[in-house]
N, C-alpha and C. Protein backbone atom coordinates (compact mmCIF):
# COMPACT_ATOMS: atom_id res chain seq x y z
N MET A 1 5.95 -14.67 -14.73
CA MET A 1 5.54 -14.33 -13.45
C MET A 1 6.93 -13.13 -12.85
N THR A 2 6.30 -12.10 -12.66
CA THR A 2 7.26 -11.49 -12.15
C THR A 2 6.89 -11.34 -11.19
N THR A 3 8.25 -10.49 -10.39
CA THR A 3 7.53 -10.40 -9.15
C THR A 3 7.63 -9.12 -8.62
N ILE A 4 7.34 -8.32 -7.09
CA ILE A 4 7.07 -6.91 -7.05
C ILE A 4 8.26 -6.19 -6.95
N GLN A 5 8.76 -4.74 -7.30
CA GLN A 5 9.32 -4.52 -6.64
C GLN A 5 8.94 -2.76 -5.49
N ILE A 6 9.41 -3.13 -4.67
CA ILE A 6 8.68 -2.15 -3.64
C ILE A 6 10.32 -0.93 -3.39
N LYS A 7 9.97 0.73 -3.42
CA LYS A 7 10.99 1.62 -3.40
C LYS A 7 9.89 2.26 -2.38
N THR A 8 10.97 3.10 -0.96
CA THR A 8 9.82 3.56 -0.13
C THR A 8 11.20 5.05 -0.17
N SER A 9 10.38 6.04 -0.11
CA SER A 9 10.76 7.26 0.12
C SER A 9 10.07 8.16 1.28
N LEU A 10 10.59 9.02 1.82
CA LEU A 10 10.39 9.91 2.42
C LEU A 10 10.77 11.42 2.31
N GLU A 11 9.45 12.21 1.96
CA GLU A 11 9.63 13.62 2.10
C GLU A 11 8.87 14.47 2.62
N ASP A 12 9.25 15.98 3.78
CA ASP A 12 7.91 16.45 3.99
C ASP A 12 6.79 15.82 4.61
N ASN A 13 7.22 15.09 5.52
CA ASN A 13 6.62 14.02 6.64
C ASN A 13 5.56 13.09 5.40
N LYS A 14 5.88 12.75 4.42
CA LYS A 14 5.13 12.15 3.58
C LYS A 14 6.36 11.07 3.10
N ALA A 15 5.66 10.02 3.73
CA ALA A 15 5.94 8.31 3.17
C ALA A 15 5.61 8.08 2.34
N LYS A 16 6.16 7.23 0.86
CA LYS A 16 5.51 7.11 -0.10
C LYS A 16 6.28 5.26 -0.33
N ILE A 17 5.47 4.46 -0.22
CA ILE A 17 5.88 3.04 -1.08
C ILE A 17 5.02 2.84 -2.16
N THR A 18 6.06 2.67 -3.10
CA THR A 18 5.85 2.51 -4.67
C THR A 18 6.24 0.92 -5.03
N MET A 19 5.07 0.68 -5.29
CA MET A 19 5.01 -0.61 -5.96
C MET A 19 5.01 -1.08 -7.45
N THR A 20 5.79 -1.62 -8.24
CA THR A 20 6.07 -2.61 -9.50
C THR A 20 5.80 -3.79 -9.47
N GLY A 21 4.79 -4.23 -10.54
CA GLY A 21 4.68 -5.71 -10.38
C GLY A 21 3.42 -6.75 -9.84
N ARG A 22 3.55 -7.36 -9.45
CA ARG A 22 2.40 -8.79 -9.14
C ARG A 22 2.82 -8.38 -7.51
N PHE A 23 1.45 -7.66 -6.93
CA PHE A 23 1.19 -7.37 -5.80
C PHE A 23 0.65 -8.74 -5.38
N ASP A 24 1.54 -9.59 -4.13
CA ASP A 24 0.51 -11.25 -4.30
C ASP A 24 1.56 -11.60 -3.01
N PHE A 25 0.71 -12.87 -2.38
CA PHE A 25 1.00 -13.51 -0.92
C PHE A 25 2.90 -13.63 -1.22
N ILE A 26 2.97 -13.28 -2.49
CA ILE A 26 4.69 -13.79 -2.26
C ILE A 26 5.34 -12.56 -2.16
N SER A 27 4.61 -11.34 -2.20
CA SER A 27 4.98 -10.33 -1.69
C SER A 27 5.17 -9.53 -0.11
N HIS A 28 4.62 -10.48 0.21
CA HIS A 28 4.34 -10.07 2.03
C HIS A 28 5.44 -9.40 2.38
N ARG A 29 6.04 -10.73 2.93
CA ARG A 29 7.60 -10.41 3.20
C ARG A 29 8.11 -9.15 3.16
N GLN A 30 8.08 -8.21 1.68
CA GLN A 30 8.64 -7.53 1.14
C GLN A 30 7.89 -5.73 1.73
N PHE A 31 6.56 -6.21 1.60
CA PHE A 31 5.61 -5.06 1.79
C PHE A 31 5.33 -4.90 3.13
N ARG A 32 5.40 -6.06 4.25
CA ARG A 32 5.43 -6.12 5.18
C ARG A 32 6.73 -4.83 6.26
N GLU A 33 8.30 -5.73 5.78
CA GLU A 33 9.63 -4.64 5.76
C GLU A 33 8.95 -3.17 5.50
N ALA A 34 8.92 -3.22 4.12
CA ALA A 34 8.79 -1.33 4.06
C ALA A 34 8.17 -0.49 4.50
N TYR A 35 6.71 -0.85 5.05
CA TYR A 35 6.19 -0.60 6.01
C TYR A 35 5.85 -0.40 7.59
N ASP A 36 6.76 -1.33 7.90
CA ASP A 36 7.33 -1.51 9.07
C ASP A 36 8.56 -0.53 9.59
N GLU A 37 9.34 -0.35 8.57
CA GLU A 37 10.23 1.26 8.72
C GLU A 37 9.50 2.11 8.96
N ILE A 38 8.46 2.41 8.18
CA ILE A 38 7.53 3.66 7.65
C ILE A 38 7.11 4.07 9.34
N LEU A 39 6.34 2.97 9.62
CA LEU A 39 5.89 3.29 10.95
C LEU A 39 6.18 3.65 11.77
N GLN A 40 7.68 2.86 12.14
CA GLN A 40 9.00 3.05 13.07
C GLN A 40 9.38 4.62 13.06
N ASN A 41 8.79 5.02 11.72
CA ASN A 41 9.68 6.53 11.52
C ASN A 41 8.43 7.57 12.16
N PRO A 42 9.21 8.13 13.61
CA PRO A 42 7.74 9.41 13.70
C PRO A 42 7.73 10.95 12.67
N GLU A 43 8.65 10.47 12.25
CA GLU A 43 8.93 12.13 10.74
C GLU A 43 6.95 11.35 10.12
N ALA A 44 7.59 9.99 9.31
CA ALA A 44 6.31 10.09 8.54
C ALA A 44 4.77 10.48 9.42
N ARG A 45 4.11 11.28 8.61
CA ARG A 45 2.73 11.24 8.91
C ARG A 45 1.72 10.46 8.17
N GLU A 46 2.23 11.23 6.82
CA GLU A 46 1.41 10.41 6.37
C GLU A 46 1.44 9.84 5.39
N ILE A 47 1.32 8.12 4.56
CA ILE A 47 1.48 7.31 3.72
C ILE A 47 0.52 6.88 3.07
N GLU A 48 1.67 6.88 1.89
CA GLU A 48 1.14 7.21 0.67
C GLU A 48 1.32 5.78 -0.16
N ILE A 49 0.71 4.77 -0.24
CA ILE A 49 0.78 3.59 -1.00
C ILE A 49 0.45 3.55 -2.98
N ASP A 50 1.37 3.99 -3.72
CA ASP A 50 1.47 3.99 -5.02
C ASP A 50 1.36 2.83 -5.79
N LEU A 51 -0.01 2.58 -6.37
CA LEU A 51 0.17 1.09 -6.79
C LEU A 51 -0.19 1.36 -8.26
N GLY A 52 0.46 2.37 -8.98
CA GLY A 52 0.44 3.04 -10.04
C GLY A 52 1.39 1.79 -11.39
N GLY A 53 2.11 1.05 -10.42
CA GLY A 53 3.18 0.26 -11.62
C GLY A 53 2.45 -1.37 -11.29
N VAL A 54 1.18 -1.31 -10.05
CA VAL A 54 1.00 -3.14 -10.25
C VAL A 54 -0.25 -3.58 -11.03
N ASP A 55 0.22 -4.13 -11.52
CA ASP A 55 -0.65 -5.05 -12.88
C ASP A 55 -1.26 -6.15 -12.38
N TYR A 56 -1.08 -6.00 -11.25
CA TYR A 56 -2.08 -7.75 -10.71
C TYR A 56 -2.09 -7.89 -8.92
N LEU A 57 -2.92 -7.87 -8.66
CA LEU A 57 -3.44 -7.97 -7.26
C LEU A 57 -3.99 -9.00 -6.78
N ASP A 58 -4.14 -10.04 -5.52
CA ASP A 58 -5.40 -10.89 -5.36
C ASP A 58 -5.87 -10.27 -3.54
N SER A 59 -6.62 -11.78 -3.20
CA SER A 59 -7.10 -11.43 -1.99
C SER A 59 -5.62 -11.15 -1.34
N SER A 60 -4.40 -12.49 -0.99
CA SER A 60 -4.01 -11.57 0.34
C SER A 60 -3.31 -10.01 -0.21
N ALA A 61 -3.10 -9.16 -0.98
CA ALA A 61 -2.67 -8.24 -1.36
C ALA A 61 -4.04 -7.40 -0.38
N LEU A 62 -4.81 -7.66 -0.83
CA LEU A 62 -6.19 -6.68 -0.24
C LEU A 62 -5.83 -6.90 1.38
N GLY A 63 -5.91 -8.09 1.35
CA GLY A 63 -5.51 -8.76 2.87
C GLY A 63 -4.43 -7.80 4.28
N MET A 64 -3.27 -7.43 2.84
CA MET A 64 -2.11 -6.74 3.81
C MET A 64 -2.37 -5.19 3.71
N LEU A 65 -3.35 -4.95 2.91
CA LEU A 65 -3.11 -3.34 3.01
C LEU A 65 -4.21 -3.25 4.33
N LEU A 66 -5.58 -4.07 4.61
CA LEU A 66 -5.79 -4.07 5.43
C LEU A 66 -5.12 -4.21 7.02
N LEU A 67 -4.17 -5.27 6.62
CA LEU A 67 -3.72 -5.08 7.86
C LEU A 67 -2.97 -4.16 8.59
N LEU A 68 -2.64 -3.31 7.32
CA LEU A 68 -1.88 -1.78 7.53
C LEU A 68 -2.73 -0.69 7.74
N ARG A 69 -4.01 -0.98 6.99
CA ARG A 69 -4.56 -0.05 7.68
C ARG A 69 -4.77 -0.07 9.21
N GLU A 70 -5.01 -1.58 9.78
CA GLU A 70 -5.43 -1.55 11.31
C GLU A 70 -4.38 -1.16 12.05
N LYS A 71 -2.64 -1.68 11.28
CA LYS A 71 -1.31 -1.06 12.08
C LYS A 71 -1.69 0.51 12.07
N ILE A 72 -1.70 0.78 10.77
CA ILE A 72 -1.95 2.76 11.23
C ILE A 72 -2.94 3.36 11.87
N GLY A 73 -4.31 2.63 12.23
CA GLY A 73 -5.18 3.49 13.12
C GLY A 73 -4.49 2.66 14.63
N MET A 74 -3.85 2.45 14.62
CA MET A 74 -3.28 2.48 16.18
C MET A 74 -1.67 3.83 16.46
N THR A 75 -1.78 4.55 15.02
CA THR A 75 -0.73 5.74 15.03
C THR A 75 -1.41 6.86 14.86
N ASN A 76 -0.84 7.28 14.80
CA ASN A 76 -1.54 8.96 14.61
C ASN A 76 -1.26 9.75 13.00
N LYS A 77 -0.90 8.35 12.37
CA LYS A 77 -0.57 8.56 10.65
C LYS A 77 -1.89 8.18 9.77
N SER A 78 -1.76 9.11 8.81
CA SER A 78 -2.61 8.59 7.79
C SER A 78 -2.49 7.72 6.61
N MET A 79 -3.05 7.48 5.82
CA MET A 79 -2.37 6.32 4.86
C MET A 79 -3.65 6.99 3.23
N ALA A 80 -3.36 6.67 2.36
CA ALA A 80 -3.96 7.07 0.87
C ALA A 80 -3.39 5.99 -0.05
N LEU A 81 -4.17 5.33 -0.97
CA LEU A 81 -3.98 4.25 -1.79
C LEU A 81 -4.12 4.76 -3.28
N THR A 82 -2.87 5.24 -4.12
CA THR A 82 -2.87 6.60 -4.90
C THR A 82 -2.40 5.98 -6.57
N ASN A 83 -2.89 5.95 -7.31
CA ASN A 83 -2.41 6.00 -8.75
C ASN A 83 -3.08 4.42 -9.15
N CYS A 84 -4.33 4.42 -8.69
CA CYS A 84 -4.89 2.79 -8.80
C CYS A 84 -5.75 2.84 -10.13
N ARG A 85 -5.32 2.14 -11.26
CA ARG A 85 -6.17 2.02 -12.08
C ARG A 85 -6.12 0.49 -13.14
N GLY A 86 -6.92 0.51 -14.19
CA GLY A 86 -7.03 -0.26 -14.90
C GLY A 86 -7.81 -1.58 -13.55
N VAL A 87 -6.68 -2.70 -13.90
CA VAL A 87 -7.37 -4.17 -13.25
C VAL A 87 -7.15 -3.67 -11.22
N VAL A 88 -6.24 -3.45 -11.40
CA VAL A 88 -6.22 -3.31 -9.98
C VAL A 88 -7.70 -2.16 -9.11
N GLN A 89 -7.94 -0.88 -9.86
CA GLN A 89 -8.82 -0.65 -9.77
C GLN A 89 -9.84 -1.40 -9.37
N GLN A 90 -10.55 -1.90 -10.38
CA GLN A 90 -11.35 -2.54 -10.54
C GLN A 90 -11.76 -3.54 -9.31
N VAL A 91 -10.36 -4.43 -8.87
CA VAL A 91 -10.06 -4.98 -7.45
C VAL A 91 -10.64 -4.42 -6.74
N LEU A 92 -10.23 -3.14 -6.47
CA LEU A 92 -10.39 -2.28 -5.23
C LEU A 92 -11.82 -1.96 -4.84
N GLU A 93 -12.31 -1.48 -5.72
CA GLU A 93 -13.98 -0.74 -5.72
C GLU A 93 -14.74 -2.15 -5.49
N VAL A 94 -14.92 -3.42 -6.19
CA VAL A 94 -15.38 -4.99 -6.30
C VAL A 94 -15.69 -5.40 -4.41
N ALA A 95 -13.76 -4.96 -4.00
CA ALA A 95 -13.84 -5.25 -2.95
C ALA A 95 -13.97 -3.99 -1.68
N ASN A 96 -15.12 -3.04 -2.10
CA ASN A 96 -15.40 -2.10 -1.10
C ASN A 96 -14.27 -1.25 -1.00
N PHE A 97 -13.00 -1.01 -1.19
CA PHE A 97 -12.13 -0.27 -0.26
C PHE A 97 -12.14 0.96 -0.78
N ASN A 98 -13.10 1.42 -0.87
CA ASN A 98 -13.12 2.91 -1.57
C ASN A 98 -14.01 3.56 -0.45
N LYS A 99 -14.65 2.75 0.50
CA LYS A 99 -15.17 2.88 1.78
C LYS A 99 -14.00 2.68 2.59
N LEU A 100 -13.11 2.14 2.72
CA LEU A 100 -12.27 1.93 3.74
C LEU A 100 -10.98 2.92 3.85
N PHE A 101 -10.74 3.29 2.42
CA PHE A 101 -9.41 4.04 2.25
C PHE A 101 -9.71 4.82 1.65
N THR A 102 -8.67 6.25 1.32
CA THR A 102 -8.77 7.12 0.83
C THR A 102 -8.00 6.99 -0.38
N ILE A 103 -8.69 6.87 -1.39
CA ILE A 103 -8.20 6.57 -3.38
C ILE A 103 -8.25 7.92 -3.79
N ARG A 104 -6.65 7.92 -4.25
CA ARG A 104 -6.64 9.53 -5.06
C ARG A 104 -6.21 8.99 -6.02
């Protein structure tokens, strides 16, 4: 069982959270710390969640994405999920996340 690796970057008002590994409940604290830092940064206008390296996500990961979406809704920032493929893409489609999120 691999744990998640999360990297954040900021370039031209666009923050990026890049994740690799399993995105599940064990990742909760690490994911929250990553996005809290970005939400507090006034320069970050757009947040990209890069799921290209994620090979597994569960319902708690979906819940964390929904919570982040709710928090972003209270700011003037935007959010997109990117590089979704394979199992990750299937889970997002089944959960109808394409209706809630911009997915690129």
